[in-house]
Protein backbone atom coordinates (compact mmCIF):
# COMPACT_ATOMS: atom_id res chain seq x y z
CA MET A 1 1.51 2.18 -0.02
CA ARG A 2 0.64 2.97 -3.51
CA GLU A 3 2.53 5.94 -3.77
CA ALA A 4 5.63 4.55 -1.82
CA LYS A 5 5.75 1.98 -4.63
CA GLY A 6 5.77 4.93 -7.13
CA LEU A 7 2.19 3.77 -8.78
CA SER A 8 -0.36 5.92 -9.98
CA GLN A 9 -4.12 5.31 -9.22
CA GLU A 10 -4.78 4.14 -12.66
CA LYS A 11 -1.58 1.93 -12.68
CA LEU A 12 -2.76 0.32 -9.52
CA ALA A 13 -6.13 0.02 -10.87
CA ARG A 14 -4.86 -1.65 -13.98
CA LEU A 15 -2.37 -4.11 -11.89
CA ALA A 16 -5.30 -4.94 -9.63
CA ASP A 17 -7.93 -5.39 -12.28
CA VAL A 18 -10.25 -3.00 -10.45
CA ALA A 19 -12.05 0.18 -11.51
CA ASN A 20 -9.90 3.14 -11.41
CA ASN A 21 -12.63 4.73 -9.60
CA THR A 22 -12.89 2.21 -6.89
CA ILE A 23 -9.35 3.17 -6.18
CA ILE A 24 -10.00 6.86 -6.26
CA LYS A 25 -13.03 6.24 -3.77
CA ILE A 26 -11.23 3.97 -1.51
CA GLU A 27 -8.24 6.20 -1.04
CA ALA A 28 -10.59 9.21 -0.54
CA GLY A 29 -12.52 7.42 1.96
CA LYS A 30 -15.70 7.43 0.15
CA ASN A 31 -15.91 3.66 0.08
CA GLN A 32 -15.09 2.65 3.58
CA ASN A 33 -16.44 -0.89 3.01
CA PRO A 34 -14.78 -2.37 -0.03
CA THR A 35 -15.36 -5.97 -0.73
CA LEU A 36 -12.87 -8.60 0.51
CA ASP A 37 -12.18 -9.55 -3.12
CA THR A 38 -11.10 -6.03 -4.23
CA LEU A 39 -8.90 -5.66 -0.85
CA LYS A 40 -7.18 -9.15 -1.95
CA LYS A 41 -6.62 -7.81 -5.66
CA ILE A 42 -5.30 -4.53 -4.50
CA ALA A 43 -3.22 -6.23 -1.75
CA LYS A 44 -1.71 -8.61 -4.45
CA ALA A 45 -0.99 -5.63 -6.64
CA LEU A 46 0.90 -3.92 -4.19
CA GLU A 47 2.67 -7.42 -3.22
CA ILE A 48 1.59 -6.88 0.42
CA SER A 49 -1.06 -8.85 2.65
CA VAL A 50 -4.53 -7.63 3.14
CA ASP A 51 -3.59 -7.10 6.70
CA ASP A 52 -0.86 -4.45 5.96
CA LEU A 53 -3.27 -2.89 3.43
CA ILE A 54 -5.94 -1.99 6.33
CA LYS A 55 -3.84 -0.87 8.84
C-alpha cells in the first residue's frame, strides 16, 4: 500500500511518526507483532483503516 501511494519507507516513517527501522522491519516480516499504536499511526499516514493495513 505504501508503494501504491508513491511513498518511500522513510517518508512513511516521517508521516506516521515512527522510526524508519520500524517500517523496514514490519515490511520485511521481522516484526510480526507491531503495537496497535504503531499500526494506527501507519494506517493514518496511509489514509486507510487498520483493518485494511493488516489484510
